[in-house]
Amino acid sequence: MVKIFATGLIFSVAFGCSWIPKVDQEDFCFAKYAFKASVKSVEQVDKYADYTYTIDIEEDYKNANKAKGNFDTITGDGPMMSCGPQKLKIGKSYLIYAGVRDNEGLYIVEYKGMDSVKASDIERMKTKYDCDCKIKFDYDKFMSRTSAGLPPPTKDECNVTENYCQRSAYCQRNQAGVCTWGNLGDCY
């Protein structure tokens, strides 16, 4: 029994959630699709399993027109995942960043209720996020460790500022072809 507990504890610590600084653009760029969807139903095989949601894709923000018609379900983490469940409510609409798991179907990368999504969030996704620009953090500084700082960014990079806003910040290539840091919307 102690051996099982110790193994579980090690697994939780090794694979558990940790706070790593990021900006919303990173989740958007990592995801294959971004869309607004309403949840029609939910299924869970048992109380520990992942959730399978039947969804209706209502609006396309990234490649969702390719997903619409091909996918009508999406999987969210169940209660046994170390970061907690991805629990969506039937009848509610969400902004969902989604990936495809082994060509088996969509899975949730990140989500927000549409009631907390502002017009500036949609505008930023549609016009500001440049997935060809690399976002660089000085992780040592963010973790309060001694840091020599980041080298100056190349034309394909943005260095995250110390007082960045996780949701409203973005990195976008300007007219000269250089990735530049920007902010659109409320800082939260």
N, C-alpha and C. Protein backbone atom coordinates (compact mmCIF):
# COMPACT_ATOMS: atom_id res chain seq x y z
N MET A 1 0.83 -1.19 0.00
CA MET A 1 0.00 0.00 0.00
C MET A 1 0.88 1.26 0.00
N VAL A 2 1.91 1.29 0.83
CA VAL A 2 2.82 2.43 0.89
C VAL A 2 3.51 2.63 -0.45
N LYS A 3 3.87 1.51 -1.09
CA LYS A 3 4.54 1.58 -2.39
C LYS A 3 3.63 2.21 -3.44
N ILE A 4 2.35 1.87 -3.43
CA ILE A 4 1.39 2.44 -4.38
C ILE A 4 1.24 3.94 -4.12
N PHE A 5 1.12 4.32 -2.83
CA PHE A 5 0.99 5.73 -2.47
C PHE A 5 2.23 6.52 -2.91
N ALA A 6 3.41 5.98 -2.66
CA ALA A 6 4.65 6.65 -3.03
C ALA A 6 4.75 6.81 -4.54
N THR A 7 4.38 5.78 -5.29
CA THR A 7 4.40 5.85 -6.75
C THR A 7 3.44 6.93 -7.23
N GLY A 8 2.26 6.98 -6.65
CA GLY A 8 1.27 8.00 -7.01
C GLY A 8 1.76 9.40 -6.70
N LEU A 9 2.41 9.56 -5.54
CA LEU A 9 2.94 10.84 -5.14
C LEU A 9 4.04 11.30 -6.10
N ILE A 10 4.95 10.41 -6.43
CA ILE A 10 6.02 10.73 -7.39
C ILE A 10 5.43 11.12 -8.73
N PHE A 11 4.44 10.35 -9.20
CA PHE A 11 3.79 10.64 -10.47
C PHE A 11 3.14 12.02 -10.43
N SER A 12 2.45 12.35 -9.34
CA SER A 12 1.78 13.64 -9.21
C SER A 12 2.78 14.78 -9.22
N VAL A 13 3.87 14.63 -8.51
CA VAL A 13 4.88 15.67 -8.45
C VAL A 13 5.57 15.82 -9.81
N ALA A 14 5.89 14.71 -10.45
CA ALA A 14 6.60 14.75 -11.72
C ALA A 14 5.72 15.28 -12.85
N PHE A 15 4.46 14.92 -12.85
CA PHE A 15 3.59 15.28 -13.96
C PHE A 15 2.50 16.27 -13.55
N GLY A 16 2.59 16.82 -12.36
CA GLY A 16 1.57 17.75 -11.89
C GLY A 16 1.67 19.09 -12.57
N CYS A 17 0.75 19.97 -12.23
CA CYS A 17 0.71 21.30 -12.82
C CYS A 17 1.73 22.19 -12.13
N SER A 18 2.34 23.03 -12.91
CA SER A 18 3.23 24.04 -12.35
C SER A 18 2.96 25.34 -13.08
N TRP A 19 3.23 26.44 -12.40
CA TRP A 19 3.01 27.73 -13.02
C TRP A 19 4.22 28.06 -13.89
N ILE A 20 3.99 28.09 -15.17
CA ILE A 20 5.02 28.51 -16.12
C ILE A 20 4.44 29.70 -16.86
N PRO A 21 5.14 30.82 -16.89
CA PRO A 21 4.57 32.00 -17.55
C PRO A 21 4.32 31.74 -19.03
N LYS A 22 3.22 32.30 -19.52
CA LYS A 22 2.88 32.18 -20.93
C LYS A 22 1.94 33.31 -21.31
N VAL A 23 1.72 33.44 -22.59
CA VAL A 23 0.71 34.36 -23.08
C VAL A 23 -0.31 33.55 -23.87
N ASP A 24 -1.52 34.06 -23.99
CA ASP A 24 -2.60 33.36 -24.67
C ASP A 24 -2.20 32.96 -26.09
N GLN A 25 -1.42 33.79 -26.76
CA GLN A 25 -1.00 33.51 -28.13
C GLN A 25 -0.30 32.16 -28.25
N GLU A 26 0.42 31.75 -27.22
CA GLU A 26 1.13 30.47 -27.27
C GLU A 26 0.14 29.30 -27.35
N ASP A 27 -0.93 29.34 -26.56
CA ASP A 27 -1.95 28.29 -26.63
C ASP A 27 -2.65 28.31 -27.99
N PHE A 28 -2.95 29.51 -28.47
CA PHE A 28 -3.61 29.67 -29.78
C PHE A 28 -2.74 29.06 -30.88
N CYS A 29 -1.47 29.37 -30.87
CA CYS A 29 -0.56 28.88 -31.92
C CYS A 29 -0.30 27.38 -31.79
N PHE A 30 -0.27 26.86 -30.58
CA PHE A 30 -0.07 25.43 -30.36
C PHE A 30 -1.27 24.63 -30.89
N ALA A 31 -2.47 25.18 -30.73
CA ALA A 31 -3.70 24.49 -31.13
C ALA A 31 -3.81 24.43 -32.65
N LYS A 32 -4.42 23.38 -33.12
CA LYS A 32 -4.69 23.25 -34.56
C LYS A 32 -5.93 24.05 -34.94
N TYR A 33 -6.89 24.15 -34.02
CA TYR A 33 -8.14 24.84 -34.28
C TYR A 33 -8.45 25.81 -33.14
N ALA A 34 -9.17 26.89 -33.48
CA ALA A 34 -9.72 27.81 -32.48
C ALA A 34 -11.12 28.18 -32.96
N PHE A 35 -12.10 28.04 -32.06
CA PHE A 35 -13.48 28.29 -32.48
C PHE A 35 -14.37 28.59 -31.27
N LYS A 36 -15.53 29.15 -31.59
CA LYS A 36 -16.60 29.30 -30.61
C LYS A 36 -17.52 28.11 -30.81
N ALA A 37 -17.86 27.44 -29.73
CA ALA A 37 -18.74 26.28 -29.83
C ALA A 37 -19.69 26.25 -28.65
N SER A 38 -20.88 25.72 -28.90
CA SER A 38 -21.82 25.50 -27.81
C SER A 38 -21.85 24.00 -27.50
N VAL A 39 -22.03 23.69 -26.24
CA VAL A 39 -22.03 22.30 -25.78
C VAL A 39 -23.47 21.78 -25.81
N LYS A 40 -23.64 20.66 -26.51
CA LYS A 40 -24.97 20.06 -26.67
C LYS A 40 -25.21 18.94 -25.66
N SER A 41 -24.16 18.15 -25.39
CA SER A 41 -24.30 17.06 -24.42
C SER A 41 -22.93 16.67 -23.90
N VAL A 42 -22.92 15.89 -22.82
CA VAL A 42 -21.68 15.40 -22.23
C VAL A 42 -21.85 13.93 -21.90
N GLU A 43 -20.76 13.18 -22.09
CA GLU A 43 -20.76 11.75 -21.74
C GLU A 43 -19.47 11.45 -20.99
N GLN A 44 -19.61 10.63 -19.97
CA GLN A 44 -18.45 10.18 -19.20
C GLN A 44 -18.69 8.71 -18.87
N VAL A 45 -17.79 7.84 -19.31
CA VAL A 45 -17.95 6.39 -19.14
C VAL A 45 -18.03 6.02 -17.67
N ASP A 46 -17.14 6.57 -16.86
CA ASP A 46 -17.21 6.39 -15.41
C ASP A 46 -16.72 7.67 -14.75
N LYS A 47 -16.81 7.76 -13.45
CA LYS A 47 -16.53 9.02 -12.76
C LYS A 47 -15.07 9.46 -12.83
N TYR A 48 -14.19 8.61 -13.33
CA TYR A 48 -12.77 8.96 -13.44
C TYR A 48 -12.33 9.25 -14.87
N ALA A 49 -13.17 8.96 -15.85
CA ALA A 49 -12.80 9.05 -17.25
C ALA A 49 -12.84 10.49 -17.76
N ASP A 50 -12.25 10.69 -18.94
CA ASP A 50 -12.34 11.98 -19.62
C ASP A 50 -13.79 12.24 -20.01
N TYR A 51 -14.08 13.50 -20.26
CA TYR A 51 -15.41 13.90 -20.71
C TYR A 51 -15.42 13.95 -22.23
N THR A 52 -16.51 13.50 -22.84
CA THR A 52 -16.70 13.65 -24.28
C THR A 52 -17.91 14.54 -24.48
N TYR A 53 -17.67 15.68 -25.15
CA TYR A 53 -18.72 16.66 -25.36
C TYR A 53 -19.17 16.65 -26.81
N THR A 54 -20.47 16.68 -27.03
CA THR A 54 -21.01 16.93 -28.36
C THR A 54 -21.13 18.44 -28.47
N ILE A 55 -20.54 18.99 -29.54
CA ILE A 55 -20.49 20.44 -29.70
C ILE A 55 -21.05 20.86 -31.05
N ASP A 56 -21.40 22.12 -31.12
CA ASP A 56 -21.80 22.76 -32.37
C ASP A 56 -20.83 23.93 -32.58
N ILE A 57 -19.95 23.81 -33.59
CA ILE A 57 -19.00 24.88 -33.88
C ILE A 57 -19.76 26.02 -34.53
N GLU A 58 -19.72 27.19 -33.88
CA GLU A 58 -20.51 28.33 -34.32
C GLU A 58 -19.70 29.39 -35.06
N GLU A 59 -18.44 29.54 -34.68
CA GLU A 59 -17.62 30.59 -35.28
C GLU A 59 -16.18 30.12 -35.38
N ASP A 60 -15.53 30.44 -36.49
CA ASP A 60 -14.17 30.00 -36.79
C ASP A 60 -13.17 31.11 -36.50
N TYR A 61 -12.14 30.79 -35.69
CA TYR A 61 -11.05 31.73 -35.45
C TYR A 61 -9.73 31.20 -36.00
N LYS A 62 -9.63 29.89 -36.17
CA LYS A 62 -8.42 29.29 -36.73
C LYS A 62 -8.76 27.89 -37.24
N ASN A 63 -8.79 27.71 -38.54
CA ASN A 63 -8.98 26.41 -39.19
C ASN A 63 -10.27 25.67 -38.83
N ALA A 64 -11.18 26.30 -38.11
CA ALA A 64 -12.36 25.57 -37.64
C ALA A 64 -13.28 25.17 -38.79
N ASN A 65 -13.22 25.88 -39.91
CA ASN A 65 -14.05 25.47 -41.05
C ASN A 65 -13.65 24.08 -41.51
N LYS A 66 -12.38 23.72 -41.30
CA LYS A 66 -11.92 22.36 -41.63
C LYS A 66 -12.45 21.36 -40.60
N ALA A 67 -12.63 21.80 -39.37
CA ALA A 67 -13.12 20.92 -38.31
C ALA A 67 -14.64 20.75 -38.39
N LYS A 68 -15.32 21.83 -38.77
CA LYS A 68 -16.79 21.80 -38.82
C LYS A 68 -17.24 20.75 -39.82
N GLY A 69 -18.11 19.89 -39.41
CA GLY A 69 -18.58 18.83 -40.28
C GLY A 69 -17.76 17.55 -40.13
N ASN A 70 -16.46 17.68 -39.80
CA ASN A 70 -15.61 16.52 -39.58
C ASN A 70 -15.64 16.07 -38.12
N PHE A 71 -15.82 17.03 -37.23
CA PHE A 71 -15.83 16.73 -35.80
C PHE A 71 -17.08 17.32 -35.18
N ASP A 72 -17.79 16.54 -34.41
CA ASP A 72 -18.91 17.08 -33.64
C ASP A 72 -18.77 16.74 -32.16
N THR A 73 -17.61 16.15 -31.81
CA THR A 73 -17.32 15.89 -30.40
C THR A 73 -15.90 16.37 -30.09
N ILE A 74 -15.68 16.62 -28.81
CA ILE A 74 -14.36 17.03 -28.34
C ILE A 74 -14.17 16.41 -26.96
N THR A 75 -12.93 16.03 -26.64
CA THR A 75 -12.61 15.40 -25.36
C THR A 75 -11.96 16.42 -24.43
N GLY A 76 -12.40 16.40 -23.18
CA GLY A 76 -11.81 17.22 -22.13
C GLY A 76 -11.31 16.32 -21.02
N ASP A 77 -10.26 16.75 -20.34
CA ASP A 77 -9.69 15.96 -19.24
C ASP A 77 -10.72 15.67 -18.16
N GLY A 78 -10.65 14.47 -17.63
CA GLY A 78 -11.52 14.05 -16.54
C GLY A 78 -10.93 14.39 -15.19
N PRO A 79 -11.60 14.01 -14.11
CA PRO A 79 -11.18 14.36 -12.76
C PRO A 79 -9.86 13.73 -12.31
N MET A 80 -9.39 12.70 -12.97
CA MET A 80 -8.14 12.05 -12.55
C MET A 80 -6.90 12.72 -13.14
N MET A 81 -7.06 13.70 -14.00
CA MET A 81 -5.90 14.39 -14.56
C MET A 81 -5.28 15.28 -13.50
N SER A 82 -3.97 15.38 -13.50
CA SER A 82 -3.27 16.10 -12.45
C SER A 82 -3.61 17.59 -12.42
N CYS A 83 -4.01 18.16 -13.54
CA CYS A 83 -4.36 19.58 -13.58
C CYS A 83 -5.85 19.81 -13.35
N GLY A 84 -6.58 18.75 -13.11
CA GLY A 84 -8.01 18.87 -12.86
C GLY A 84 -8.83 18.68 -14.12
N PRO A 85 -10.14 18.59 -13.95
CA PRO A 85 -11.01 18.32 -15.10
C PRO A 85 -11.24 19.55 -15.97
N GLN A 86 -11.53 19.29 -17.23
CA GLN A 86 -11.95 20.34 -18.16
C GLN A 86 -13.46 20.15 -18.32
N LYS A 87 -14.20 20.74 -17.40
CA LYS A 87 -15.64 20.51 -17.32
C LYS A 87 -16.40 21.66 -17.96
N LEU A 88 -17.10 21.34 -19.05
CA LEU A 88 -17.92 22.31 -19.77
C LEU A 88 -19.38 22.07 -19.43
N LYS A 89 -20.20 23.13 -19.50
CA LYS A 89 -21.61 23.03 -19.15
C LYS A 89 -22.48 22.96 -20.40
N ILE A 90 -23.45 22.08 -20.37
CA ILE A 90 -24.40 21.94 -21.48
C ILE A 90 -25.15 23.25 -21.65
N GLY A 91 -25.27 23.69 -22.91
CA GLY A 91 -26.00 24.91 -23.23
C GLY A 91 -25.15 26.16 -23.21
N LYS A 92 -23.92 26.06 -22.74
CA LYS A 92 -23.04 27.22 -22.65
C LYS A 92 -22.10 27.24 -23.86
N SER A 93 -21.72 28.45 -24.29
CA SER A 93 -20.77 28.62 -25.40
C SER A 93 -19.38 28.92 -24.86
N TYR A 94 -18.38 28.39 -25.57
CA TYR A 94 -16.98 28.53 -25.16
C TYR A 94 -16.11 28.91 -26.33
N LEU A 95 -15.03 29.62 -26.03
CA LEU A 95 -13.93 29.81 -26.95
C LEU A 95 -13.01 28.63 -26.67
N ILE A 96 -12.77 27.81 -27.68
CA ILE A 96 -11.98 26.59 -27.48
C ILE A 96 -10.79 26.57 -28.43
N TYR A 97 -9.61 26.32 -27.86
CA TYR A 97 -8.42 26.00 -28.65
C TYR A 97 -8.32 24.49 -28.61
N ALA A 98 -8.24 23.85 -29.77
CA ALA A 98 -8.30 22.39 -29.82
C ALA A 98 -7.17 21.80 -30.67
N GLY A 99 -6.78 20.59 -30.30
CA GLY A 99 -5.82 19.81 -31.08
C GLY A 99 -6.49 18.53 -31.53
N VAL A 100 -5.76 17.74 -32.30
CA VAL A 100 -6.26 16.44 -32.75
C VAL A 100 -5.34 15.38 -32.17
N ARG A 101 -5.91 14.41 -31.50
CA ARG A 101 -5.15 13.35 -30.85
C ARG A 101 -5.11 12.13 -31.76
N ASP A 102 -3.95 11.84 -32.32
CA ASP A 102 -3.74 10.64 -33.15
C ASP A 102 -4.84 10.41 -34.17
N ASN A 103 -5.29 11.49 -34.80
CA ASN A 103 -6.37 11.43 -35.80
C ASN A 103 -7.64 10.79 -35.27
N GLU A 104 -7.78 10.70 -33.95
CA GLU A 104 -8.97 10.10 -33.36
C GLU A 104 -10.05 11.12 -33.07
N GLY A 105 -9.68 12.34 -32.87
CA GLY A 105 -10.68 13.36 -32.57
C GLY A 105 -10.09 14.56 -31.89
N LEU A 106 -10.92 15.55 -31.68
CA LEU A 106 -10.49 16.80 -31.05
C LEU A 106 -10.31 16.63 -29.56
N TYR A 107 -9.34 17.37 -29.01
CA TYR A 107 -9.19 17.47 -27.56
C TYR A 107 -8.99 18.93 -27.20
N ILE A 108 -9.37 19.29 -26.00
CA ILE A 108 -9.28 20.67 -25.54
C ILE A 108 -7.83 20.99 -25.15
N VAL A 109 -7.28 22.05 -25.74
CA VAL A 109 -5.98 22.59 -25.34
C VAL A 109 -6.22 23.63 -24.25
N GLU A 110 -7.15 24.53 -24.52
CA GLU A 110 -7.50 25.61 -23.58
C GLU A 110 -8.94 26.03 -23.89
N TYR A 111 -9.63 26.58 -22.91
CA TYR A 111 -11.00 27.06 -23.15
C TYR A 111 -11.34 28.18 -22.19
N LYS A 112 -12.30 29.01 -22.62
CA LYS A 112 -12.84 30.08 -21.79
C LYS A 112 -14.33 30.19 -22.12
N GLY A 113 -15.14 30.48 -21.13
CA GLY A 113 -16.55 30.75 -21.38
C GLY A 113 -16.68 32.02 -22.21
N MET A 114 -17.57 32.01 -23.20
CA MET A 114 -17.73 33.19 -24.06
C MET A 114 -18.19 34.41 -23.27
N ASP A 115 -18.79 34.20 -22.10
CA ASP A 115 -19.20 35.33 -21.28
C ASP A 115 -18.01 36.11 -20.74
N SER A 116 -16.80 35.53 -20.77
CA SER A 116 -15.61 36.26 -20.33
C SER A 116 -14.69 36.65 -21.50
N VAL A 117 -15.15 36.40 -22.73
CA VAL A 117 -14.37 36.77 -23.91
C VAL A 117 -14.87 38.12 -24.41
N LYS A 118 -13.94 39.04 -24.61
CA LYS A 118 -14.29 40.39 -25.06
C LYS A 118 -14.01 40.53 -26.55
N ALA A 119 -14.57 41.58 -27.14
CA ALA A 119 -14.36 41.86 -28.57
C ALA A 119 -12.86 42.02 -28.87
N SER A 120 -12.11 42.61 -27.94
CA SER A 120 -10.67 42.78 -28.15
C SER A 120 -9.94 41.43 -28.18
N ASP A 121 -10.45 40.42 -27.45
CA ASP A 121 -9.86 39.08 -27.49
C ASP A 121 -10.01 38.48 -28.89
N ILE A 122 -11.19 38.63 -29.47
CA ILE A 122 -11.45 38.10 -30.82
C ILE A 122 -10.61 38.85 -31.84
N GLU A 123 -10.57 40.18 -31.73
CA GLU A 123 -9.76 40.99 -32.66
C GLU A 123 -8.29 40.59 -32.59
N ARG A 124 -7.78 40.38 -31.38
CA ARG A 124 -6.38 40.00 -31.20
C ARG A 124 -6.08 38.66 -31.88
N MET A 125 -6.98 37.69 -31.70
CA MET A 125 -6.79 36.38 -32.34
C MET A 125 -6.79 36.51 -33.86
N LYS A 126 -7.74 37.28 -34.37
CA LYS A 126 -7.92 37.37 -35.82
C LYS A 126 -6.88 38.24 -36.52
N THR A 127 -6.35 39.26 -35.82
CA THR A 127 -5.50 40.22 -36.51
C THR A 127 -4.09 40.40 -35.94
N LYS A 128 -3.83 39.95 -34.74
CA LYS A 128 -2.54 40.24 -34.09
C LYS A 128 -1.65 39.02 -33.87
N TYR A 129 -2.23 37.86 -33.59
CA TYR A 129 -1.42 36.68 -33.29
C TYR A 129 -0.67 36.25 -34.55
N ASP A 130 0.65 36.19 -34.45
CA ASP A 130 1.50 35.75 -35.56
C ASP A 130 2.24 34.50 -35.09
N CYS A 131 1.80 33.37 -35.57
CA CYS A 131 2.36 32.10 -35.10
C CYS A 131 3.75 31.82 -35.68
N ASP A 132 4.24 32.67 -36.55
CA ASP A 132 5.61 32.53 -37.06
C ASP A 132 6.61 33.28 -36.19
N CYS A 133 6.13 34.05 -35.23
CA CYS A 133 7.01 34.75 -34.29
C CYS A 133 7.16 33.89 -33.03
N LYS A 134 8.38 33.79 -32.54
CA LYS A 134 8.64 33.00 -31.34
C LYS A 134 8.63 33.92 -30.12
N ILE A 135 7.91 33.50 -29.09
CA ILE A 135 7.81 34.26 -27.84
C ILE A 135 8.81 33.68 -26.85
N LYS A 136 9.69 34.55 -26.32
CA LYS A 136 10.74 34.09 -25.41
C LYS A 136 10.57 34.71 -24.02
N PHE A 137 10.63 33.87 -23.01
CA PHE A 137 10.58 34.29 -21.61
C PHE A 137 11.94 34.13 -20.97
N ASP A 138 12.25 35.02 -20.05
CA ASP A 138 13.41 34.85 -19.18
C ASP A 138 12.88 34.12 -17.94
N TYR A 139 12.84 32.79 -18.04
CA TYR A 139 12.24 31.98 -16.98
C TYR A 139 12.96 32.16 -15.64
N ASP A 140 14.27 32.32 -15.67
CA ASP A 140 14.99 32.53 -14.41
C ASP A 140 14.49 33.77 -13.69
N LYS A 141 14.32 34.86 -14.43
CA LYS A 141 13.85 36.10 -13.82
C LYS A 141 12.43 35.94 -13.29
N PHE A 142 11.56 35.29 -14.05
CA PHE A 142 10.19 35.09 -13.62
C PHE A 142 10.10 34.20 -12.39
N MET A 143 11.08 33.34 -12.19
CA MET A 143 11.10 32.44 -11.03
C MET A 143 11.96 33.02 -9.91
N SER A 144 12.29 34.31 -10.02
CA SER A 144 13.08 35.04 -9.01
C SER A 144 14.45 34.43 -8.78
N ARG A 145 15.04 33.91 -9.83
CA ARG A 145 16.41 33.41 -9.76
C ARG A 145 17.35 34.43 -10.39
N THR A 146 18.63 34.29 -10.14
CA THR A 146 19.61 35.15 -10.77
C THR A 146 19.55 34.94 -12.28
N SER A 147 19.52 36.06 -13.00
CA SER A 147 19.38 35.96 -14.45
C SER A 147 20.31 36.94 -15.14
N ALA A 148 20.93 36.49 -16.20
CA ALA A 148 21.76 37.37 -17.03
C ALA A 148 20.90 38.09 -18.06
N GLY A 149 19.61 37.74 -18.12
CA GLY A 149 18.71 38.35 -19.08
C GLY A 149 18.75 37.63 -20.41
N LEU A 150 17.77 37.89 -21.23
CA LEU A 150 17.71 37.29 -22.55
C LEU A 150 18.58 38.09 -23.52
N PRO A 151 19.16 37.42 -24.50
CA PRO A 151 19.85 38.17 -25.54
C PRO A 151 18.82 38.97 -26.34
N PRO A 152 19.26 40.00 -27.05
CA PRO A 152 18.29 40.75 -27.87
C PRO A 152 17.57 39.79 -28.82
N PRO A 153 16.27 40.05 -29.05
CA PRO A 153 15.53 39.15 -29.93
C PRO A 153 15.99 39.27 -31.38
N THR A 154 15.88 38.17 -32.11
CA THR A 154 16.12 38.21 -33.54
C THR A 154 14.87 38.79 -34.20
N LYS A 155 14.87 38.93 -35.50
CA LYS A 155 13.70 39.48 -36.19
C LYS A 155 12.50 38.54 -36.13
N ASP A 156 12.74 37.29 -35.73
CA ASP A 156 11.67 36.30 -35.63
C ASP A 156 11.23 36.03 -34.19
N GLU A 157 11.64 36.88 -33.24
CA GLU A 157 11.37 36.65 -31.82
C GLU A 157 10.87 37.91 -31.13
N CYS A 158 10.14 37.70 -30.06
CA CYS A 158 9.77 38.77 -29.12
C CYS A 158 10.20 38.32 -27.74
N ASN A 159 10.90 39.18 -27.03
CA ASN A 159 11.21 38.93 -25.62
C ASN A 159 10.05 39.46 -24.79
N VAL A 160 9.53 38.64 -23.91
CA VAL A 160 8.42 39.04 -23.07
C VAL A 160 8.91 40.07 -22.06
N THR A 161 8.15 41.15 -21.94
CA THR A 161 8.52 42.19 -20.98
C THR A 161 8.19 41.75 -19.56
N GLU A 162 8.83 42.38 -18.60
CA GLU A 162 8.64 41.99 -17.20
C GLU A 162 7.20 42.19 -16.74
N ASN A 163 6.54 43.22 -17.22
CA ASN A 163 5.18 43.51 -16.78
C ASN A 163 4.16 43.16 -17.87
N TYR A 164 4.36 42.03 -18.52
CA TYR A 164 3.47 41.60 -19.61
C TYR A 164 2.08 41.24 -19.08
N CYS A 165 1.13 41.22 -19.99
CA CYS A 165 -0.24 40.80 -19.68
C CYS A 165 -0.50 39.48 -20.40
N GLN A 166 -0.78 38.44 -19.64
CA GLN A 166 -0.90 37.09 -20.18
C GLN A 166 -1.94 37.01 -21.30
N ARG A 167 -3.05 37.66 -21.14
CA ARG A 167 -4.13 37.50 -22.11
C ARG A 167 -4.08 38.54 -23.23
N SER A 168 -3.68 39.78 -22.96
CA SER A 168 -3.78 40.84 -23.97
C SER A 168 -2.49 41.08 -24.74
N ALA A 169 -1.40 40.46 -24.34
CA ALA A 169 -0.13 40.65 -25.04
C ALA A 169 -0.09 39.79 -26.30
N TYR A 170 0.70 40.25 -27.26
CA TYR A 170 0.89 39.48 -28.50
C TYR A 170 2.24 39.82 -29.11
N CYS A 171 2.69 38.97 -30.01
CA CYS A 171 3.92 39.16 -30.77
C CYS A 171 3.54 39.05 -32.24
N GLN A 172 3.82 40.10 -33.00
CA GLN A 172 3.39 40.16 -34.40
C GLN A 172 4.48 40.80 -35.25
N ARG A 173 4.61 40.29 -36.46
CA ARG A 173 5.58 40.84 -37.41
C ARG A 173 5.08 42.19 -37.92
N ASN A 174 5.97 43.21 -37.89
CA ASN A 174 5.57 44.52 -38.39
C ASN A 174 5.84 44.63 -39.90
N GLN A 175 5.63 45.81 -40.46
CA GLN A 175 5.79 46.01 -41.91
C GLN A 175 7.23 45.79 -42.37
N ALA A 176 8.19 45.98 -41.46
CA ALA A 176 9.60 45.76 -41.79
C ALA A 176 9.98 44.29 -41.67
N GLY A 177 9.03 43.43 -41.28
CA GLY A 177 9.31 42.00 -41.16
C GLY A 177 9.91 41.58 -39.84
N VAL A 178 9.85 42.47 -38.83
CA VAL A 178 10.43 42.19 -37.52
C VAL A 178 9.30 41.91 -36.52
N CYS A 179 9.43 40.84 -35.77
CA CYS A 179 8.44 40.53 -34.74
C CYS A 179 8.53 41.56 -33.62
N THR A 180 7.39 42.13 -33.25
CA THR A 180 7.35 43.16 -32.21
C THR A 180 6.29 42.81 -31.19
N TRP A 181 6.51 43.27 -29.97
CA TRP A 181 5.64 43.02 -28.84
C TRP A 181 4.53 44.06 -28.84
N GLY A 182 3.30 43.64 -28.55
CA GLY A 182 2.20 44.56 -28.47
C GLY A 182 1.19 44.15 -27.43
N ASN A 183 0.19 45.00 -27.25
CA ASN A 183 -0.85 44.75 -26.27
C ASN A 183 -2.17 45.30 -26.82
N LEU A 184 -3.22 44.49 -26.78
CA LEU A 184 -4.52 44.93 -27.24
C LEU A 184 -5.57 44.41 -26.26
N GLY A 185 -6.29 45.33 -25.65
CA GLY A 185 -7.34 44.94 -24.72
C GLY A 185 -6.93 45.18 -23.28
N ASP A 186 -7.83 44.81 -22.39
CA ASP A 186 -7.59 44.97 -20.96
C ASP A 186 -6.49 44.03 -20.51
N CYS A 187 -5.69 44.51 -19.57
CA CYS A 187 -4.60 43.68 -19.02
C CYS A 187 -5.16 42.84 -17.87
N TYR A 188 -5.27 41.55 -18.11
CA TYR A 188 -5.73 40.61 -17.07
C TYR A 188 -5.22 39.24 -17.38
